Amino acid sequence: MDFTIEKYSELLKALKTHNNFIIRHDVDLRPDYSLRIAQVEAELGMRATYYFRTVAESYDEKTIQQIVSLGHRAGYHYESLTTCNGDMTAAYEDFCKNLTRLRKLVPVTTACAHGSPKSKWNSQDIWNQYDIQALGIEYEPMMDTDFSQTLYLTDTGRRWDGYKVSVRDKVPQYQRQWTEEGLTFHSTEDIIHAISDINHPIHKYNLLINTHPQRWMPFGRGWLREAVMQNLKNIAKRIIVCTKY
């Protein structure tokens, strides 16, 4: 059964046999689910970065501090250009305000844009006009990662080949190359098997793993509800992608 806590634990154990990987989590919803994932990682001696939005469904101060206390890092999952309706100046001011708010709780030196699939604005575009490093942000994963050396694997769409229905959570310039090299995976088990094979081309790359913790839970009503809702969202996102491109 995929997208369970048990399957995520299996993935972590497999990753420990890989030479170089980074784990990133986008906390879009249900921060309590993120704490559960953070505890599993800590028990295995692994550390990750959790990117929190500053909206009610993601931002919970106690949970953020608990996750950092386990040895993980916190980052800002910004969507300022969307929330400010494309106003670049207002978006920059919004980013600075929310970053300050988060830094009052925990150290923050990394930020990553929220995809906002229904929005016509990409919040990364703020940095075409402003300098993110001047704000003490040392790493923006989708801007600062060398994807010629790093394979990006994300569970967007509740599948690992969700780039087909994703508006922004993908690396288009390298996707065809990765597909030709056999580096696209559908299930978590597919990734585990690849890592377990020392001859698999996955070992030629560093790995940047991105998950959305609200997807990972014990099997039950919540798991079934998430599966059904995500399938409906994928249909909607496919329409957006086809319309846009």
C-alpha atoms as a PDB file:
ATOM      1  CA  MET A   1       0.000   0.000   0.000  1.00  0.00           C
ATOM      2  CA  ASP A   2       1.516   3.315  -1.112  1.00  0.00           C
ATOM      3  CA  PHE A   3       1.467   6.704   0.642  1.00  0.00           C
ATOM      4  CA  THR A   4       1.336   5.217   4.111  1.00  0.00           C
ATOM      5  CA  ILE A   5       3.634   5.973   7.033  1.00  0.00           C
ATOM      6  CA  GLU A   6       5.041   2.460   6.695  1.00  0.00           C
ATOM      7  CA  LYS A   7       5.887   2.930   3.023  1.00  0.00           C
ATOM      8  CA  TYR A   8       7.540   6.267   3.746  1.00  0.00           C
ATOM      9  CA  SER A   9       9.688   4.593   6.387  1.00  0.00           C
ATOM     10  CA  GLU A  10      10.738   2.003   3.791  1.00  0.00           C
ATOM     11  CA  LEU A  11      11.695   4.809   1.403  1.00  0.00           C
ATOM     12  CA  LEU A  12      13.825   6.471   4.070  1.00  0.00           C
ATOM     13  CA  LYS A  13      15.667   3.243   4.799  1.00  0.00           C
ATOM     14  CA  ALA A  14      16.389   2.807   1.085  1.00  0.00           C
ATOM     15  CA  LEU A  15      17.605   6.404   0.788  1.00  0.00           C
ATOM     16  CA  LYS A  16      20.165   5.788   3.517  1.00  0.00           C
ATOM     17  CA  THR A  17      21.982   3.513   1.062  1.00  0.00           C
ATOM     18  CA  HIS A  18      22.228   6.266  -1.575  1.00  0.00           C
ATOM     19  CA  ASN A  19      25.339   8.428  -1.704  1.00  0.00           C
ATOM     20  CA  ASN A  20      23.805  11.901  -1.685  1.00  0.00           C
ATOM     21  CA  PHE A  21      20.233  13.052  -1.145  1.00  0.00           C
ATOM     22  CA  ILE A  22      18.219  15.945   0.264  1.00  0.00           C
ATOM     23  CA  ILE A  23      14.685  15.582   1.647  1.00  0.00           C
ATOM     24  CA  ARG A  24      12.318  18.529   1.344  1.00  0.00           C
ATOM     25  CA  HIS A  25       8.711  18.728   2.498  1.00  0.00           C
ATOM     26  CA  ASP A  26       6.112  21.230   1.305  1.00  0.00           C
ATOM     27  CA  VAL A  27       3.688  21.747   4.176  1.00  0.00           C
ATOM     28  CA  ASP A  28       0.686  22.872   2.151  1.00  0.00           C
ATOM     29  CA  LEU A  29      -1.886  21.498   4.622  1.00  0.00           C
ATOM     30  CA  ARG A  30      -2.185  19.613   7.913  1.00  0.00           C
ATOM     31  CA  PRO A  31       1.023  20.529   9.796  1.00  0.00           C
ATOM     32  CA  ASP A  32       0.198  17.789  12.318  1.00  0.00           C
ATOM     33  CA  TYR A  33       0.865  15.234   9.570  1.00  0.00           C
ATOM     34  CA  SER A  34       4.259  16.866   9.015  1.00  0.00           C
ATOM     35  CA  LEU A  35       5.130  16.378  12.676  1.00  0.00           C
ATOM     36  CA  ARG A  36       4.375  12.681  12.358  1.00  0.00           C
ATOM     37  CA  ILE A  37       6.699  12.395   9.345  1.00  0.00           C
ATOM     38  CA  ALA A  38       9.369  14.427  11.177  1.00  0.00           C
ATOM     39  CA  GLN A  39       9.255  11.995  14.085  1.00  0.00           C
ATOM     40  CA  VAL A  40       9.734   9.008  11.762  1.00  0.00           C
ATOM     41  CA  GLU A  41      12.755  10.681  10.171  1.00  0.00           C
ATOM     42  CA  ALA A  42      14.268  11.578  13.533  1.00  0.00           C
ATOM     43  CA  GLU A  43      13.902   7.996  14.749  1.00  0.00           C
ATOM     44  CA  LEU A  44      15.970   6.900  11.742  1.00  0.00           C
ATOM     45  CA  GLY A  45      18.580   9.596  12.340  1.00  0.00           C
ATOM     46  CA  MET A  46      17.597  11.553   9.229  1.00  0.00           C
ATOM     47  CA  ARG A  47      17.020  15.276   8.773  1.00  0.00           C
ATOM     48  CA  ALA A  48      14.830  17.176   6.335  1.00  0.00           C
ATOM     49  CA  THR A  49      13.684  20.711   5.546  1.00  0.00           C
ATOM     50  CA  TYR A  50      10.024  21.628   6.066  1.00  0.00           C
ATOM     51  CA  TYR A  51       8.659  24.537   4.025  1.00  0.00           C
ATOM     52  CA  PHE A  52       5.702  26.220   5.745  1.00  0.00           C
ATOM     53  CA  ARG A  53       3.161  28.483   4.107  1.00  0.00           C
ATOM     54  CA  THR A  54       1.961  31.382   6.269  1.00  0.00           C
ATOM     55  CA  VAL A  55      -1.713  30.560   5.834  1.00  0.00           C
ATOM     56  CA  ALA A  56      -3.891  29.042   8.549  1.00  0.00           C
ATOM     57  CA  GLU A  57      -3.962  25.553   7.034  1.00  0.00           C
ATOM     58  CA  SER A  58      -0.146  25.281   7.143  1.00  0.00           C
ATOM     59  CA  TYR A  59       1.177  27.682   9.757  1.00  0.00           C
ATOM     60  CA  ASP A  60       1.100  26.314  13.302  1.00  0.00           C
ATOM     61  CA  GLU A  61       3.737  27.827  15.574  1.00  0.00           C
ATOM     62  CA  LYS A  62       3.872  24.979  18.079  1.00  0.00           C
ATOM     63  CA  THR A  63       4.236  22.359  15.346  1.00  0.00           C
ATOM     64  CA  ILE A  64       6.952  24.349  13.569  1.00  0.00           C
ATOM     65  CA  GLN A  65       8.974  24.585  16.775  1.00  0.00           C
ATOM     66  CA  GLN A  66       8.446  20.894  17.551  1.00  0.00           C
ATOM     67  CA  ILE A  67       9.707  19.872  14.125  1.00  0.00           C
ATOM     68  CA  VAL A  68      12.809  22.064  14.431  1.00  0.00           C
ATOM     69  CA  SER A  69      13.446  20.695  17.940  1.00  0.00           C
ATOM     70  CA  LEU A  70      13.756  17.240  16.355  1.00  0.00           C
ATOM     71  CA  GLY A  71      16.759  18.496  14.366  1.00  0.00           C
ATOM     72  CA  HIS A  72      14.995  19.448  11.128  1.00  0.00           C
ATOM     73  CA  ARG A  73      15.155  22.796   9.334  1.00  0.00           C
ATOM     74  CA  ALA A  74      12.263  25.158   8.638  1.00  0.00           C
ATOM     75  CA  GLY A  75      11.865  27.099   5.410  1.00  0.00           C
ATOM     76  CA  TYR A  76       9.352  29.595   4.057  1.00  0.00           C
ATOM     77  CA  HIS A  77       6.946  28.242   1.415  1.00  0.00           C
ATOM     78  CA  TYR A  78       6.058  31.558  -0.179  1.00  0.00           C
ATOM     79  CA  GLU A  79       3.228  32.437  -2.561  1.00  0.00           C
ATOM     80  CA  SER A  80       3.425  36.214  -2.345  1.00  0.00           C
ATOM     81  CA  LEU A  81       2.938  37.086  -6.003  1.00  0.00           C
ATOM     82  CA  THR A  82      -0.282  35.076  -6.004  1.00  0.00           C
ATOM     83  CA  THR A  83      -1.669  36.522  -2.764  1.00  0.00           C
ATOM     84  CA  CYS A  84      -0.759  40.032  -3.946  1.00  0.00           C
ATOM     85  CA  ASN A  85      -2.427  39.554  -7.354  1.00  0.00           C
ATOM     86  CA  GLY A  86       0.745  40.042  -9.370  1.00  0.00           C
ATOM     87  CA  ASP A  87       1.832  43.299  -7.702  1.00  0.00           C
ATOM     88  CA  MET A  88       5.602  42.863  -7.576  1.00  0.00           C
ATOM     89  CA  THR A  89       6.308  45.521  -4.938  1.00  0.00           C
ATOM     90  CA  ALA A  90       3.519  44.330  -2.660  1.00  0.00           C
ATOM     91  CA  ALA A  91       4.665  40.726  -3.136  1.00  0.00           C
ATOM     92  CA  TYR A  92       8.213  41.546  -2.057  1.00  0.00           C
ATOM     93  CA  GLU A  93       6.935  43.388   1.021  1.00  0.00           C
ATOM     94  CA  ASP A  94       4.642  40.449   1.811  1.00  0.00           C
ATOM     95  CA  PHE A  95       7.557  38.019   1.499  1.00  0.00           C
ATOM     96  CA  CYS A  96       9.682  40.115   3.883  1.00  0.00           C
ATOM     97  CA  LYS A  97       6.845  40.435   6.409  1.00  0.00           C
ATOM     98  CA  ASN A  98       6.117  36.706   6.488  1.00  0.00           C
ATOM     99  CA  LEU A  99       9.791  35.765   6.575  1.00  0.00           C
ATOM    100  CA  THR A 100      10.258  38.000   9.624  1.00  0.00           C
ATOM    101  CA  ARG A 101       7.244  36.397  11.267  1.00  0.00           C
ATOM    102  CA  LEU A 102       8.628  32.897  10.739  1.00  0.00           C
ATOM    103  CA  ARG A 103      12.111  33.903  11.890  1.00  0.00           C
ATOM    104  CA  LYS A 104      10.701  35.039  15.225  1.00  0.00           C
ATOM    105  CA  LEU A 105       9.999  31.348  15.842  1.00  0.00           C
ATOM    106  CA  VAL A 106      12.940  29.507  14.289  1.00  0.00           C
ATOM    107  CA  PRO A 107      16.027  30.149  12.132  1.00  0.00           C
ATOM    108  CA  VAL A 108      15.155  30.349   8.418  1.00  0.00           C
ATOM    109  CA  THR A 109      17.756  30.511   5.635  1.00  0.00           C
ATOM    110  CA  THR A 110      15.854  28.712   2.876  1.00  0.00           C
ATOM    111  CA  ALA A 111      12.637  29.416   0.964  1.00  0.00           C
ATOM    112  CA  CYS A 112      10.757  27.723  -1.848  1.00  0.00           C
ATOM    113  CA  ALA A 113       7.791  28.926  -3.885  1.00  0.00           C
ATOM    114  CA  HIS A 114       4.395  27.291  -3.498  1.00  0.00           C
ATOM    115  CA  GLY A 115       3.120  26.086  -6.867  1.00  0.00           C
ATOM    116  CA  SER A 116      -0.353  27.663  -6.663  1.00  0.00           C
ATOM    117  CA  PRO A 117      -1.606  25.748  -9.747  1.00  0.00           C
ATOM    118  CA  LYS A 118      -4.739  27.854 -10.175  1.00  0.00           C
ATOM    119  CA  SER A 119      -2.735  31.100 -10.175  1.00  0.00           C
ATOM    120  CA  LYS A 120      -1.447  32.780 -13.315  1.00  0.00           C
ATOM    121  CA  TRP A 121       1.524  34.119 -11.358  1.00  0.00           C
ATOM    122  CA  ASN A 122       4.740  32.300 -10.464  1.00  0.00           C
ATOM    123  CA  SER A 123       6.062  33.680  -7.186  1.00  0.00           C
ATOM    124  CA  GLN A 124       9.659  32.896  -8.197  1.00  0.00           C
ATOM    125  CA  ASP A 125       9.397  35.824 -10.585  1.00  0.00           C
ATOM    126  CA  ILE A 126       9.823  38.165  -7.611  1.00  0.00           C
ATOM    127  CA  TRP A 127      13.539  37.452  -7.831  1.00  0.00           C
ATOM    128  CA  ASN A 128      13.753  38.808 -11.350  1.00  0.00           C
ATOM    129  CA  GLN A 129      13.428  42.215  -9.702  1.00  0.00           C
ATOM    130  CA  TYR A 130      14.698  41.704  -6.140  1.00  0.00           C
ATOM    131  CA  ASP A 131      17.638  39.883  -4.525  1.00  0.00           C
ATOM    132  CA  ILE A 132      16.554  36.938  -2.380  1.00  0.00           C
ATOM    133  CA  GLN A 133      20.069  36.406  -1.007  1.00  0.00           C
ATOM    134  CA  ALA A 134      20.082  39.945   0.400  1.00  0.00           C
ATOM    135  CA  LEU A 135      17.344  38.716   2.736  1.00  0.00           C
ATOM    136  CA  GLY A 136      19.581  35.988   4.148  1.00  0.00           C
ATOM    137  CA  ILE A 137      18.021  33.231   2.040  1.00  0.00           C
ATOM    138  CA  GLU A 138      20.924  30.973   1.120  1.00  0.00           C
ATOM    139  CA  TYR A 139      19.023  28.335  -0.844  1.00  0.00           C
ATOM    140  CA  GLU A 140      15.906  28.297  -3.014  1.00  0.00           C
ATOM    141  CA  PRO A 141      15.672  24.651  -4.175  1.00  0.00           C
ATOM    142  CA  MET A 142      14.150  25.202  -7.594  1.00  0.00           C
ATOM    143  CA  MET A 143      16.466  28.114  -8.376  1.00  0.00           C
ATOM    144  CA  ASP A 144      19.750  27.024  -6.799  1.00  0.00           C
ATOM    145  CA  THR A 145      19.907  23.263  -7.429  1.00  0.00           C
ATOM    146  CA  ASP A 146      22.111  22.010 -10.271  1.00  0.00           C
ATOM    147  CA  PHE A 147      19.627  19.707 -11.985  1.00  0.00           C
ATOM    148  CA  SER A 148      22.240  18.486 -14.431  1.00  0.00           C
ATOM    149  CA  GLN A 149      23.645  16.614 -11.434  1.00  0.00           C
ATOM    150  CA  THR A 150      20.508  16.241  -9.304  1.00  0.00           C
ATOM    151  CA  LEU A 151      17.392  14.187 -10.003  1.00  0.00           C
ATOM    152  CA  TYR A 152      14.186  15.790  -8.733  1.00  0.00           C
ATOM    153  CA  LEU A 153      11.563  13.392  -7.397  1.00  0.00           C
ATOM    154  CA  THR A 154       8.297  14.811  -6.086  1.00  0.00           C
ATOM    155  CA  ASP A 155       5.022  13.201  -5.007  1.00  0.00           C
ATOM    156  CA  THR A 156       2.975  15.999  -6.553  1.00  0.00           C
ATOM    157  CA  GLY A 157      -0.363  14.602  -7.643  1.00  0.00           C
ATOM    158  CA  ARG A 158       0.078  11.740  -5.139  1.00  0.00           C
ATOM    159  CA  ARG A 159       2.300   9.937  -7.614  1.00  0.00           C
ATOM    160  CA  TRP A 160       5.978  10.202  -8.465  1.00  0.00           C
ATOM    161  CA  ASP A 161       5.401  10.878 -12.176  1.00  0.00           C
ATOM    162  CA  GLY A 162       2.997  13.726 -11.499  1.00  0.00           C
ATOM    163  CA  TYR A 163       4.967  16.152 -13.662  1.00  0.00           C
ATOM    164  CA  LYS A 164       2.460  15.215 -16.380  1.00  0.00           C
ATOM    165  CA  VAL A 165      -0.311  17.005 -14.486  1.00  0.00           C
ATOM    166  CA  SER A 166       1.774  19.558 -12.570  1.00  0.00           C
ATOM    167  CA  VAL A 167       1.733  23.223 -13.459  1.00  0.00           C
ATOM    168  CA  ARG A 168       4.988  24.224 -11.700  1.00  0.00           C
ATOM    169  CA  ASP A 169       6.332  21.410  -9.506  1.00  0.00           C
ATOM    170  CA  LYS A 170       8.662  19.999 -12.157  1.00  0.00           C
ATOM    171  CA  VAL A 171      11.916  20.635 -14.010  1.00  0.00           C
ATOM    172  CA  PRO A 172      10.847  20.752 -17.686  1.00  0.00           C
ATOM    173  CA  GLN A 173      14.318  21.237 -19.151  1.00  0.00           C
ATOM    174  CA  TYR A 174      15.531  17.896 -17.780  1.00  0.00           C
ATOM    175  CA  GLN A 175      12.375  15.784 -17.738  1.00  0.00           C
ATOM    176  CA  ARG A 176      12.867  14.299 -21.204  1.00  0.00           C
ATOM    177  CA  GLN A 177      16.479  13.354 -20.386  1.00  0.00           C
ATOM    178  CA  TRP A 178      15.434  11.685 -17.128  1.00  0.00           C
ATOM    179  CA  THR A 179      12.669   9.788 -18.922  1.00  0.00           C
ATOM    180  CA  GLU A 180      15.086   8.523 -21.582  1.00  0.00           C
ATOM    181  CA  GLU A 181      17.464   7.350 -18.841  1.00  0.00           C
ATOM    182  CA  GLY A 182      14.731   5.369 -17.088  1.00  0.00           C
ATOM    183  CA  LEU A 183      14.510   7.810 -14.184  1.00  0.00           C
ATOM    184  CA  THR A 184      10.756   8.286 -14.008  1.00  0.00           C
ATOM    185  CA  PHE A 185       8.834   6.368 -11.358  1.00  0.00           C
ATOM    186  CA  HIS A 186       5.160   5.972 -10.586  1.00  0.00           C
ATOM    187  CA  SER A 187       5.099   4.409  -7.138  1.00  0.00           C
ATOM    188  CA  THR A 188       7.241   4.678  -4.027  1.00  0.00           C
ATOM    189  CA  GLU A 189       8.083   1.011  -4.450  1.00  0.00           C
ATOM    190  CA  ASP A 190       9.505   1.795  -7.914  1.00  0.00           C
ATOM    191  CA  ILE A 191      11.961   4.238  -6.324  1.00  0.00           C
ATOM    192  CA  ILE A 192      12.889   1.803  -3.569  1.00  0.00           C
ATOM    193  CA  HIS A 193      13.642  -0.913  -6.136  1.00  0.00           C
ATOM    194  CA  ALA A 194      15.748   1.468  -8.217  1.00  0.00           C
ATOM    195  CA  ILE A 195      17.851   2.514  -5.223  1.00  0.00           C
ATOM    196  CA  SER A 196      18.240  -1.139  -4.213  1.00  0.00           C
ATOM    197  CA  ASP A 197      19.785  -1.914  -7.628  1.00  0.00           C
ATOM    198  CA  ILE A 198      23.398  -0.727  -7.497  1.00  0.00           C
ATOM    199  CA  ASN A 199      23.511  -0.708 -11.310  1.00  0.00           C
ATOM    200  CA  HIS A 200      20.464   1.504 -11.744  1.00  0.00           C
ATOM    201  CA  PRO A 201      21.171   4.961 -13.296  1.00  0.00           C
ATOM    202  CA  ILE A 202      19.590   6.619 -10.247  1.00  0.00           C
ATOM    203  CA  HIS A 203      22.978   6.212  -8.573  1.00  0.00           C
ATOM    204  CA  LYS A 204      24.592   8.592 -11.090  1.00  0.00           C
ATOM    205  CA  TYR A 205      22.651  11.495  -9.604  1.00  0.00           C
ATOM    206  CA  ASN A 206      22.237  13.357  -6.376  1.00  0.00           C
ATOM    207  CA  LEU A 207      18.596  13.187  -5.280  1.00  0.00           C
ATOM    208  CA  LEU A 208      16.247  15.982  -4.264  1.00  0.00           C
ATOM    209  CA  ILE A 209      13.174  14.310  -2.768  1.00  0.00           C
ATOM    210  CA  ASN A 210      10.076  16.449  -2.243  1.00  0.00           C
ATOM    211  CA  THR A 211       6.968  15.226  -0.450  1.00  0.00           C
ATOM    212  CA  HIS A 212       3.715  16.750   0.733  1.00  0.00           C
ATOM    213  CA  PRO A 213       3.250  15.214   4.197  1.00  0.00           C
ATOM    214  CA  GLN A 214      -0.557  15.480   4.212  1.00  0.00           C
ATOM    215  CA  ARG A 215      -0.559  12.647   1.650  1.00  0.00           C
ATOM    216  CA  TRP A 216       1.186  10.163   3.952  1.00  0.00           C
ATOM    217  CA  MET A 217      -0.971   8.516   6.614  1.00  0.00           C
ATOM    218  CA  PRO A 218      -2.087   5.144   7.965  1.00  0.00           C
ATOM    219  CA  PHE A 219      -4.517   3.313   5.683  1.00  0.00           C
ATOM    220  CA  GLY A 220      -8.137   4.121   6.490  1.00  0.00           C
ATOM    221  CA  ARG A 221     -10.868   6.631   5.719  1.00  0.00           C
ATOM    222  CA  GLY A 222      -8.441   9.553   5.621  1.00  0.00           C
ATOM    223  CA  TRP A 223      -6.164   7.698   3.198  1.00  0.00           C
ATOM    224  CA  LEU A 224      -9.110   6.852   0.916  1.00  0.00           C
ATOM    225  CA  ARG A 225     -10.441  10.411   1.048  1.00  0.00           C
ATOM    226  CA  GLU A 226      -7.025  11.835   0.121  1.00  0.00           C
ATOM    227  CA  ALA A 227      -6.705   9.373  -2.783  1.00  0.00           C
ATOM    228  CA  VAL A 228     -10.121  10.293  -4.216  1.00  0.00           C
ATOM    229  CA  MET A 229      -9.643  14.043  -3.773  1.00  0.00           C
ATOM    230  CA  GLN A 230      -6.190  14.002  -5.350  1.00  0.00           C
ATOM    231  CA  ASN A 231      -7.455  12.113  -8.393  1.00  0.00           C
ATOM    232  CA  LEU A 232     -10.069  14.827  -8.874  1.00  0.00           C
ATOM    233  CA  LYS A 233      -7.420  17.529  -8.456  1.00  0.00           C
ATOM    234  CA  ASN A 234      -5.215  15.808 -11.044  1.00  0.00           C
ATOM    235  CA  ILE A 235      -8.027  15.987 -13.575  1.00  0.00           C
ATOM    236  CA  ALA A 236      -8.394  19.703 -12.914  1.00  0.00           C
ATOM    237  CA  LYS A 237      -4.629  20.287 -13.120  1.00  0.00           C
ATOM    238  CA  ARG A 238      -4.424  18.343 -16.385  1.00  0.00           C
ATOM    239  CA  ILE A 239      -7.028  20.699 -17.842  1.00  0.00           C
ATOM    240  CA  ILE A 240      -5.018  23.710 -16.619  1.00  0.00           C
ATOM    241  CA  VAL A 241      -1.787  22.319 -18.104  1.00  0.00           C
ATOM    242  CA  CYS A 242      -3.417  21.540 -21.451  1.00  0.00           C
ATOM    243  CA  THR A 243      -5.049  24.967 -21.595  1.00  0.00           C
ATOM    244  CA  LYS A 244      -1.846  26.754 -20.646  1.00  0.00           C
ATOM    245  CA  TYR A 245       0.546  24.850 -22.877  1.00  0.00           C
END
